[in-house]
Amino acid sequence: MSKNMTYETWGTKQVKIAGRDKKQAYTLCVTSTPSGRILSFQLVWLGKTHASLPSAIAEGINEARSFGFVFSVANTQKKMSHYSTLKTIKE
C-alpha cells in the first residue's frame, strides 16, 4: 500500500485516515491445518520491544485477541526486521 492509497467501500464520500503520517510495518501470518481449519493469526511488528506493538488500550485490541490474534515483535539481529521467524512461530 502506498502513502496515497486507502481501502474503503467503493463510492464512499469521506474516507477517514487516522495517523496518516504514523505508519508501522508488520507481517500478518495466516495458517491452516491440512483439514482447512484456520489457526490463530500472527502479527509480527517492526521493533525489538513491546513498545513497538499496538497499545493495550488500542481500539479493537481486545476483540482482535478474542479472535486469536497474537501480537509479537521479531526481536532479531536485523535492525529493521518485521518478518516471521522461528521465535515468532513458536510464540
PDB file of N, CA and C in Angstrom:
ATOM      1  N   MET A   1       0.849  -1.176   0.000  1.00  0.00           N
ATOM      2  CA  MET A   1       0.000   0.000   0.000  1.00  0.00           C
ATOM      3  C   MET A   1       0.890   1.232   0.000  1.00  0.00           C
ATOM      4  N   SER A   2       0.621   2.167  -0.855  1.00  0.00           N
ATOM      5  CA  SER A   2       1.418   3.385  -0.896  1.00  0.00           C
ATOM      6  C   SER A   2       0.790   4.451  -0.009  1.00  0.00           C
ATOM      7  N   LYS A   3       1.507   5.536   0.180  1.00  0.00           N
ATOM      8  CA  LYS A   3       1.009   6.596   1.057  1.00  0.00           C
ATOM      9  C   LYS A   3      -0.211   7.309   0.487  1.00  0.00           C
ATOM     10  N   ASN A   4      -0.514   7.117  -0.790  1.00  0.00           N
ATOM     11  CA  ASN A   4      -1.642   7.801  -1.414  1.00  0.00           C
ATOM     12  C   ASN A   4      -2.840   6.885  -1.647  1.00  0.00           C
ATOM     13  N   MET A   5      -2.852   5.707  -1.012  1.00  0.00           N
ATOM     14  CA  MET A   5      -3.937   4.757  -1.229  1.00  0.00           C
ATOM     15  C   MET A   5      -4.607   4.401   0.089  1.00  0.00           C
ATOM     16  N   THR A   6      -5.896   4.078   0.024  1.00  0.00           N
ATOM     17  CA  THR A   6      -6.641   3.587   1.183  1.00  0.00           C
ATOM     18  C   THR A   6      -7.549   2.467   0.725  1.00  0.00           C
ATOM     19  N   TYR A   7      -8.111   1.738   1.676  1.00  0.00           N
ATOM     20  CA  TYR A   7      -9.104   0.718   1.384  1.00  0.00           C
ATOM     21  C   TYR A   7     -10.420   1.169   1.999  1.00  0.00           C
ATOM     22  N   GLU A   8     -11.439   1.303   1.177  1.00  0.00           N
ATOM     23  CA  GLU A   8     -12.756   1.731   1.639  1.00  0.00           C
ATOM     24  C   GLU A   8     -13.781   1.263   0.611  1.00  0.00           C
ATOM     25  N   THR A   9     -15.024   1.175   1.013  1.00  0.00           N
ATOM     26  CA  THR A   9     -16.101   0.761   0.122  1.00  0.00           C
ATOM     27  C   THR A   9     -16.176   1.714  -1.067  1.00  0.00           C
ATOM     28  N   TRP A  10     -16.327   1.148  -2.261  1.00  0.00           N
ATOM     29  CA  TRP A  10     -16.393   1.939  -3.485  1.00  0.00           C
ATOM     30  C   TRP A  10     -17.545   2.935  -3.389  1.00  0.00           C
ATOM     31  N   GLY A  11     -17.281   4.179  -3.725  1.00  0.00           N
ATOM     32  CA  GLY A  11     -18.302   5.213  -3.725  1.00  0.00           C
ATOM     33  C   GLY A  11     -18.410   5.985  -2.417  1.00  0.00           C
ATOM     34  N   THR A  12     -17.647   5.602  -1.402  1.00  0.00           N
ATOM     35  CA  THR A  12     -17.669   6.320  -0.128  1.00  0.00           C
ATOM     36  C   THR A  12     -17.206   7.753  -0.343  1.00  0.00           C
ATOM     37  N   LYS A  13     -17.949   8.712   0.205  1.00  0.00           N
ATOM     38  CA  LYS A  13     -17.631  10.124   0.008  1.00  0.00           C
ATOM     39  C   LYS A  13     -16.534  10.619   0.956  1.00  0.00           C
ATOM     40  N   GLN A  14     -16.475  10.060   2.163  1.00  0.00           N
ATOM     41  CA  GLN A  14     -15.497  10.501   3.149  1.00  0.00           C
ATOM     42  C   GLN A  14     -14.695   9.294   3.627  1.00  0.00           C
ATOM     43  N   VAL A  15     -13.379   9.364   3.529  1.00  0.00           N
ATOM     44  CA  VAL A  15     -12.518   8.275   3.965  1.00  0.00           C
ATOM     45  C   VAL A  15     -11.675   8.769   5.127  1.00  0.00           C
ATOM     46  N   LYS A  16     -11.874   8.156   6.288  1.00  0.00           N
ATOM     47  CA  LYS A  16     -11.137   8.532   7.487  1.00  0.00           C
ATOM     48  C   LYS A  16      -9.713   7.980   7.398  1.00  0.00           C
ATOM     49  N   ILE A  17      -8.732   8.835   7.626  1.00  0.00           N
ATOM     50  CA  ILE A  17      -7.334   8.413   7.622  1.00  0.00           C
ATOM     51  C   ILE A  17      -6.731   8.842   8.954  1.00  0.00           C
ATOM     52  N   ALA A  18      -6.686   7.914   9.897  1.00  0.00           N
ATOM     53  CA  ALA A  18      -6.150   8.208  11.228  1.00  0.00           C
ATOM     54  C   ALA A  18      -4.644   7.972  11.230  1.00  0.00           C
ATOM     55  N   GLY A  19      -3.889   8.918  11.737  1.00  0.00           N
ATOM     56  CA  GLY A  19      -2.447   8.750  11.851  1.00  0.00           C
ATOM     57  C   GLY A  19      -1.770   8.519  10.526  1.00  0.00           C
ATOM     58  N   ARG A  20      -2.189   9.264   9.513  1.00  0.00           N
ATOM     59  CA  ARG A  20      -1.666   9.047   8.164  1.00  0.00           C
ATOM     60  C   ARG A  20      -0.145   9.100   8.110  1.00  0.00           C
ATOM     61  N   ASP A  21       0.470   9.941   8.918  1.00  0.00           N
ATOM     62  CA  ASP A  21       1.918  10.056   8.893  1.00  0.00           C
ATOM     63  C   ASP A  21       2.594   9.075   9.850  1.00  0.00           C
ATOM     64  N   LYS A  22       1.809   8.265  10.566  1.00  0.00           N
ATOM     65  CA  LYS A  22       2.371   7.324  11.536  1.00  0.00           C
ATOM     66  C   LYS A  22       2.070   5.905  11.075  1.00  0.00           C
ATOM     67  N   LYS A  23       2.926   5.368  10.243  1.00  0.00           N
ATOM     68  CA  LYS A  23       2.728   4.021   9.731  1.00  0.00           C
ATOM     69  C   LYS A  23       3.705   3.067  10.409  1.00  0.00           C
ATOM     70  N   GLN A  24       3.280   1.839  10.592  1.00  0.00           N
ATOM     71  CA  GLN A  24       4.109   0.824  11.226  1.00  0.00           C
ATOM     72  C   GLN A  24       4.031  -0.440  10.394  1.00  0.00           C
ATOM     73  N   ALA A  25       5.185  -0.941   9.974  1.00  0.00           N
ATOM     74  CA  ALA A  25       5.218  -2.151   9.162  1.00  0.00           C
ATOM     75  C   ALA A  25       5.019  -3.385  10.031  1.00  0.00           C
ATOM     76  N   TYR A  26       4.315  -4.365   9.500  1.00  0.00           N
ATOM     77  CA  TYR A  26       4.149  -5.635  10.188  1.00  0.00           C
ATOM     78  C   TYR A  26       3.909  -6.731   9.168  1.00  0.00           C
ATOM     79  N   THR A  27       4.059  -7.964   9.613  1.00  0.00           N
ATOM     80  CA  THR A  27       3.757  -9.119   8.790  1.00  0.00           C
ATOM     81  C   THR A  27       2.590  -9.855   9.427  1.00  0.00           C
ATOM     82  N   LEU A  28       1.580 -10.188   8.650  1.00  0.00           N
ATOM     83  CA  LEU A  28       0.438 -10.964   9.121  1.00  0.00           C
ATOM     84  C   LEU A  28       0.566 -12.371   8.556  1.00  0.00           C
ATOM     85  N   CYS A  29       0.623 -13.365   9.439  1.00  0.00           N
ATOM     86  CA  CYS A  29       0.700 -14.763   9.011  1.00  0.00           C
ATOM     87  C   CYS A  29      -0.633 -15.442   9.286  1.00  0.00           C
ATOM     88  N   VAL A  30      -1.213 -16.006   8.253  1.00  0.00           N
ATOM     89  CA  VAL A  30      -2.456 -16.759   8.375  1.00  0.00           C
ATOM     90  C   VAL A  30      -2.118 -18.200   8.031  1.00  0.00           C
ATOM     91  N   THR A  31      -2.398 -19.110   8.961  1.00  0.00           N
ATOM     92  CA  THR A  31      -2.061 -20.523   8.752  1.00  0.00           C
ATOM     93  C   THR A  31      -3.302 -21.388   8.931  1.00  0.00           C
ATOM     94  N   SER A  32      -3.219 -22.584   8.363  1.00  0.00           N
ATOM     95  CA  SER A  32      -4.344 -23.523   8.497  1.00  0.00           C
ATOM     96  C   SER A  32      -3.814 -24.934   8.666  1.00  0.00           C
ATOM     97  N   THR A  33      -4.678 -25.804   9.143  1.00  0.00           N
ATOM     98  CA  THR A  33      -4.348 -27.223   9.262  1.00  0.00           C
ATOM     99  C   THR A  33      -4.599 -27.887   7.910  1.00  0.00           C
ATOM    100  N   PRO A  34      -4.096 -29.111   7.713  1.00  0.00           N
ATOM    101  CA  PRO A  34      -4.365 -29.809   6.450  1.00  0.00           C
ATOM    102  C   PRO A  34      -5.863 -29.991   6.171  1.00  0.00           C
ATOM    103  N   SER A  35      -6.676 -30.025   7.227  1.00  0.00           N
ATOM    104  CA  SER A  35      -8.114 -30.194   7.020  1.00  0.00           C
ATOM    105  C   SER A  35      -8.814 -28.877   6.683  1.00  0.00           C
ATOM    106  N   GLY A  36      -8.076 -27.754   6.735  1.00  0.00           N
ATOM    107  CA  GLY A  36      -8.652 -26.472   6.371  1.00  0.00           C
ATOM    108  C   GLY A  36      -9.046 -25.583   7.530  1.00  0.00           C
ATOM    109  N   ARG A  37      -8.839 -26.026   8.763  1.00  0.00           N
ATOM    110  CA  ARG A  37      -9.166 -25.203   9.940  1.00  0.00           C
ATOM    111  C   ARG A  37      -8.166 -24.059  10.036  1.00  0.00           C
ATOM    112  N   ILE A  38      -8.659 -22.839  10.139  1.00  0.00           N
ATOM    113  CA  ILE A  38      -7.798 -21.662  10.248  1.00  0.00           C
ATOM    114  C   ILE A  38      -7.264 -21.566  11.674  1.00  0.00           C
ATOM    115  N   LEU A  39      -5.960 -21.404  11.818  1.00  0.00           N
ATOM    116  CA  LEU A  39      -5.328 -21.252  13.119  1.00  0.00           C
ATOM    117  C   LEU A  39      -5.256 -19.768  13.483  1.00  0.00           C
ATOM    118  N   SER A  40      -4.803 -19.491  14.673  1.00  0.00           N
ATOM    119  CA  SER A  40      -4.686 -18.098  15.131  1.00  0.00           C
ATOM    120  C   SER A  40      -3.786 -17.300  14.199  1.00  0.00           C
ATOM    121  N   PHE A  41      -4.138 -16.041  13.994  1.00  0.00           N
ATOM    122  CA  PHE A  41      -3.310 -15.157  13.182  1.00  0.00           C
ATOM    123  C   PHE A  41      -2.064 -14.769  13.956  1.00  0.00           C
ATOM    124  N   GLN A  42      -1.007 -14.451  13.224  1.00  0.00           N
ATOM    125  CA  GLN A  42       0.221 -13.968  13.842  1.00  0.00           C
ATOM    126  C   GLN A  42       0.569 -12.632  13.205  1.00  0.00           C
ATOM    127  N   LEU A  43       0.726 -11.605  14.021  1.00  0.00           N
ATOM    128  CA  LEU A  43       1.170 -10.295  13.557  1.00  0.00           C
ATOM    129  C   LEU A  43       2.556 -10.052  14.117  1.00  0.00           C
ATOM    130  N   VAL A  44       3.541  -9.817  13.245  1.00  0.00           N
ATOM    131  CA  VAL A  44       4.908  -9.544  13.679  1.00  0.00           C
ATOM    132  C   VAL A  44       5.203  -8.089  13.339  1.00  0.00           C
ATOM    133  N   TRP A  45       5.475  -7.302  14.370  1.00  0.00           N
ATOM    134  CA  TRP A  45       5.678  -5.864  14.208  1.00  0.00           C
ATOM    135  C   TRP A  45       7.148  -5.518  14.157  1.00  0.00           C
ATOM    136  N   LEU A  46       7.476  -4.475  13.398  1.00  0.00           N
ATOM    137  CA  LEU A  46       8.821  -3.953  13.327  1.00  0.00           C
ATOM    138  C   LEU A  46       9.201  -3.435  14.704  1.00  0.00           C
ATOM    139  N   GLY A  47      10.329  -3.843  15.222  1.00  0.00           N
ATOM    140  CA  GLY A  47      10.792  -3.366  16.517  1.00  0.00           C
ATOM    141  C   GLY A  47      11.370  -4.486  17.358  1.00  0.00           C
ATOM    142  N   LYS A  48      12.015  -4.098  18.440  1.00  0.00           N
ATOM    143  CA  LYS A  48      12.670  -5.068  19.306  1.00  0.00           C
ATOM    144  C   LYS A  48      12.010  -5.190  20.667  1.00  0.00           C
ATOM    145  N   THR A  49      11.100  -4.274  20.993  1.00  0.00           N
ATOM    146  CA  THR A  49      10.457  -4.318  22.302  1.00  0.00           C
ATOM    147  C   THR A  49       8.948  -4.265  22.138  1.00  0.00           C
ATOM    148  N   HIS A  50       8.249  -4.532  23.218  1.00  0.00           N
ATOM    149  CA  HIS A  50       6.785  -4.499  23.178  1.00  0.00           C
ATOM    150  C   HIS A  50       6.240  -3.080  23.010  1.00  0.00           C
ATOM    151  N   ALA A  51       7.107  -2.061  23.147  1.00  0.00           N
ATOM    152  CA  ALA A  51       6.678  -0.688  22.884  1.00  0.00           C
ATOM    153  C   ALA A  51       6.342  -0.506  21.399  1.00  0.00           C
ATOM    154  N   SER A  52       6.814  -1.429  20.560  1.00  0.00           N
ATOM    155  CA  SER A  52       6.526  -1.378  19.121  1.00  0.00           C
ATOM    156  C   SER A  52       5.142  -1.916  18.788  1.00  0.00           C
ATOM    157  N   LEU A  53       4.510  -2.587  19.733  1.00  0.00           N
ATOM    158  CA  LEU A  53       3.209  -3.212  19.493  1.00  0.00           C
ATOM    159  C   LEU A  53       2.082  -2.210  19.692  1.00  0.00           C
ATOM    160  N   PRO A  54       0.899  -2.520  19.187  1.00  0.00           N
ATOM    161  CA  PRO A  54      -0.248  -1.652  19.443  1.00  0.00           C
ATOM    162  C   PRO A  54      -0.484  -1.545  20.954  1.00  0.00           C
ATOM    163  N   SER A  55      -0.977  -0.421  21.366  1.00  0.00           N
ATOM    164  CA  SER A  55      -1.249  -0.174  22.778  1.00  0.00           C
ATOM    165  C   SER A  55      -2.262  -1.175  23.322  1.00  0.00           C
ATOM    166  N   ALA A  56      -2.123  -1.507  24.602  1.00  0.00           N
ATOM    167  CA  ALA A  56      -3.059  -2.418  25.254  1.00  0.00           C
ATOM    168  C   ALA A  56      -4.463  -1.831  25.323  1.00  0.00           C
ATOM    169  N   ILE A  57      -4.584  -0.525  25.140  1.00  0.00           N
ATOM    170  CA  ILE A  57      -5.902   0.125  25.159  1.00  0.00           C
ATOM    171  C   ILE A  57      -6.330   0.598  23.776  1.00  0.00           C
ATOM    172  N   ALA A  58      -5.648   0.112  22.732  1.00  0.00           N
ATOM    173  CA  ALA A  58      -5.994   0.491  21.358  1.00  0.00           C
ATOM    174  C   ALA A  58      -7.400   0.004  21.019  1.00  0.00           C
ATOM    175  N   GLU A  59      -8.082   0.774  20.210  1.00  0.00           N
ATOM    176  CA  GLU A  59      -9.436   0.403  19.785  1.00  0.00           C
ATOM    177  C   GLU A  59      -9.403  -0.938  19.053  1.00  0.00           C
ATOM    178  N   GLY A  60     -10.221  -1.881  19.498  1.00  0.00           N
ATOM    179  CA  GLY A  60     -10.326  -3.176  18.838  1.00  0.00           C
ATOM    180  C   GLY A  60      -9.311  -4.217  19.283  1.00  0.00           C
ATOM    181  N   ILE A  61      -8.380  -3.855  20.171  1.00  0.00           N
ATOM    182  CA  ILE A  61      -7.324  -4.798  20.564  1.00  0.00           C
ATOM    183  C   ILE A  61      -7.897  -6.025  21.271  1.00  0.00           C
ATOM    184  N   ASN A  62      -8.859  -5.826  22.154  1.00  0.00           N
ATOM    185  CA  ASN A  62      -9.446  -6.966  22.873  1.00  0.00           C
ATOM    186  C   ASN A  62     -10.230  -7.876  21.937  1.00  0.00           C
ATOM    187  N   GLU A  63     -10.924  -7.279  20.987  1.00  0.00           N
ATOM    188  CA  GLU A  63     -11.660  -8.072  20.008  1.00  0.00           C
ATOM    189  C   GLU A  63     -10.690  -8.888  19.145  1.00  0.00           C
ATOM    190  N   ALA A  64      -9.594  -8.266  18.735  1.00  0.00           N
ATOM    191  CA  ALA A  64      -8.599  -8.973  17.927  1.00  0.00           C
ATOM    192  C   ALA A  64      -8.035 -10.157  18.700  1.00  0.00           C
ATOM    193  N   ARG A  65      -7.712  -9.950  19.958  1.00  0.00           N
ATOM    194  CA  ARG A  65      -7.176 -11.046  20.783  1.00  0.00           C
ATOM    195  C   ARG A  65      -8.220 -12.152  20.964  1.00  0.00           C
ATOM    196  N   SER A  66      -9.492 -11.770  21.097  1.00  0.00           N
ATOM    197  CA  SER A  66     -10.537 -12.787  21.260  1.00  0.00           C
ATOM    198  C   SER A  66     -10.684 -13.643  20.000  1.00  0.00           C
ATOM    199  N   PHE A  67     -10.300 -13.092  18.853  1.00  0.00           N
ATOM    200  CA  PHE A  67     -10.328 -13.848  17.604  1.00  0.00           C
ATOM    201  C   PHE A  67      -9.059 -14.669  17.411  1.00  0.00           C
ATOM    202  N   GLY A  68      -8.119 -14.555  18.343  1.00  0.00           N
ATOM    203  CA  GLY A  68      -6.902 -15.359  18.262  1.00  0.00           C
ATOM    204  C   GLY A  68      -5.701 -14.641  17.700  1.00  0.00           C
ATOM    205  N   PHE A  69      -5.765 -13.329  17.528  1.00  0.00           N
ATOM    206  CA  PHE A  69      -4.601 -12.601  17.053  1.00  0.00           C
ATOM    207  C   PHE A  69      -3.495 -12.665  18.103  1.00  0.00           C
ATOM    208  N   VAL A  70      -2.262 -12.846  17.661  1.00  0.00           N
ATOM    209  CA  VAL A  70      -1.091 -12.857  18.536  1.00  0.00           C
ATOM    210  C   VAL A  70      -0.193 -11.703  18.091  1.00  0.00           C
ATOM    211  N   PHE A  71       0.136 -10.802  18.989  1.00  0.00           N
ATOM    212  CA  PHE A  71       0.984  -9.655  18.669  1.00  0.00           C
ATOM    213  C   PHE A  71       2.380  -9.927  19.197  1.00  0.00           C
ATOM    214  N   SER A  72       3.389  -9.792  18.345  1.00  0.00           N
ATOM    215  CA  SER A  72       4.755 -10.110  18.739  1.00  0.00           C
ATOM    216  C   SER A  72       5.732  -9.233  17.967  1.00  0.00           C
ATOM    217  N   VAL A  73       6.911  -9.022  18.541  1.00  0.00           N
ATOM    218  CA  VAL A  73       7.986  -8.330  17.822  1.00  0.00           C
ATOM    219  C   VAL A  73       8.979  -9.376  17.341  1.00  0.00           C
ATOM    220  N   ALA A  74       9.655  -9.106  16.249  1.00  0.00           N
ATOM    221  CA  ALA A  74      10.602 -10.058  15.685  1.00  0.00           C
ATOM    222  C   ALA A  74      11.833 -10.203  16.584  1.00  0.00           C
ATOM    223  N   ASN A  75      12.323  -9.088  17.125  1.00  0.00           N
ATOM    224  CA  ASN A  75      13.486  -9.076  18.013  1.00  0.00           C
ATOM    225  C   ASN A  75      14.652  -9.859  17.410  1.00  0.00           C
ATOM    226  N   THR A  76      15.034  -9.507  16.192  1.00  0.00           N
ATOM    227  CA  THR A  76      16.139 -10.172  15.513  1.00  0.00           C
ATOM    228  C   THR A  76      17.361  -9.270  15.511  1.00  0.00           C
ATOM    229  N   GLN A  77      18.461  -9.806  15.012  1.00  0.00           N
ATOM    230  CA  GLN A  77      19.696  -9.023  14.904  1.00  0.00           C
ATOM    231  C   GLN A  77      19.558  -7.902  13.880  1.00  0.00           C
ATOM    232  N   LYS A  78      18.694  -8.123  12.882  1.00  0.00           N
ATOM    233  CA  LYS A  78      18.471  -7.089  11.880  1.00  0.00           C
ATOM    234  C   LYS A  78      17.745  -5.921  12.521  1.00  0.00           C
ATOM    235  N   LYS A  79      18.190  -4.733  12.225  1.00  0.00           N
ATOM    236  CA  LYS A  79      17.630  -3.530  12.833  1.00  0.00           C
ATOM    237  C   LYS A  79      16.186  -3.273  12.394  1.00  0.00           C
ATOM    238  N   MET A  80      15.850  -3.601  11.172  1.00  0.00           N
ATOM    239  CA  MET A  80      14.539  -3.249  10.623  1.00  0.00           C
ATOM    240  C   MET A  80      13.711  -4.475  10.240  1.00  0.00           C
ATOM    241  N   SER A  81      13.733  -5.537  11.039  1.00  0.00           N
ATOM    242  CA  SER A  81      13.025  -6.760  10.674  1.00  0.00           C
ATOM    243  C   SER A  81      11.609  -6.801  11.244  1.00  0.00           C
ATOM    244  N   HIS A  82      10.653  -7.149  10.417  1.00  0.00           N
ATOM    245  CA  HIS A  82       9.286  -7.385  10.866  1.00  0.00           C
ATOM    246  C   HIS A  82       8.746  -8.671  10.229  1.00  0.00           C
ATOM    247  N   TYR A  83       9.653  -9.609   9.969  1.00  0.00           N
ATOM    248  CA  TYR A  83       9.269 -10.850   9.323  1.00  0.00           C
ATOM    249  C   TYR A  83       9.115 -11.968  10.342  1.00  0.00           C
ATOM    250  N   SER A  84       8.311 -12.945  10.007  1.00  0.00           N
ATOM    251  CA  SER A  84       8.102 -14.096  10.867  1.00  0.00           C
ATOM    252  C   SER A  84       9.419 -14.876  10.993  1.00  0.00           C
ATOM    253  N   THR A  85       9.741 -15.275  12.204  1.00  0.00           N
ATOM    254  CA  THR A  85      10.959 -16.033  12.475  1.00  0.00           C
ATOM    255  C   THR A  85      10.581 -17.279  13.272  1.00  0.00           C
ATOM    256  N   LEU A  86      11.545 -18.147  13.524  1.00  0.00           N
ATOM    257  CA  LEU A  86      11.279 -19.320  14.335  1.00  0.00           C
ATOM    258  C   LEU A  86      10.772 -18.914  15.708  1.00  0.00           C
ATOM    259  N   LYS A  87      11.331 -17.836  16.272  1.00  0.00           N
ATOM    260  CA  LYS A  87      10.881 -17.327  17.578  1.00  0.00           C
ATOM    261  C   LYS A  87       9.403 -16.956  17.535  1.00  0.00           C
ATOM    262  N   THR A  88       9.001 -16.195  16.536  1.00  0.00           N
ATOM    263  CA  THR A  88       7.605 -15.748  16.475  1.00  0.00           C
ATOM    264  C   THR A  88       6.655 -16.890  16.139  1.00  0.00           C
ATOM    265  N   ILE A  89       7.112 -17.856  15.371  1.00  0.00           N
ATOM    266  CA  ILE A  89       6.271 -19.015  15.060  1.00  0.00           C
ATOM    267  C   ILE A  89       6.021 -19.829  16.329  1.00  0.00           C
ATOM    268  N   LYS A  90       7.049 -20.008  17.144  1.00  0.00           N
ATOM    269  CA  LYS A  90       6.877 -20.744  18.407  1.00  0.00           C
ATOM    270  C   LYS A  90       5.920 -20.026  19.345  1.00  0.00           C
ATOM    271  N   GLU A  91       5.960 -18.709  19.331  1.00  0.00           N
ATOM    272  CA  GLU A  91       5.056 -17.933  20.181  1.00  0.00           C
ATOM    273  C   GLU A  91       3.611 -18.129  19.743  1.00  0.00           C
TER     274      GLU A  91
END
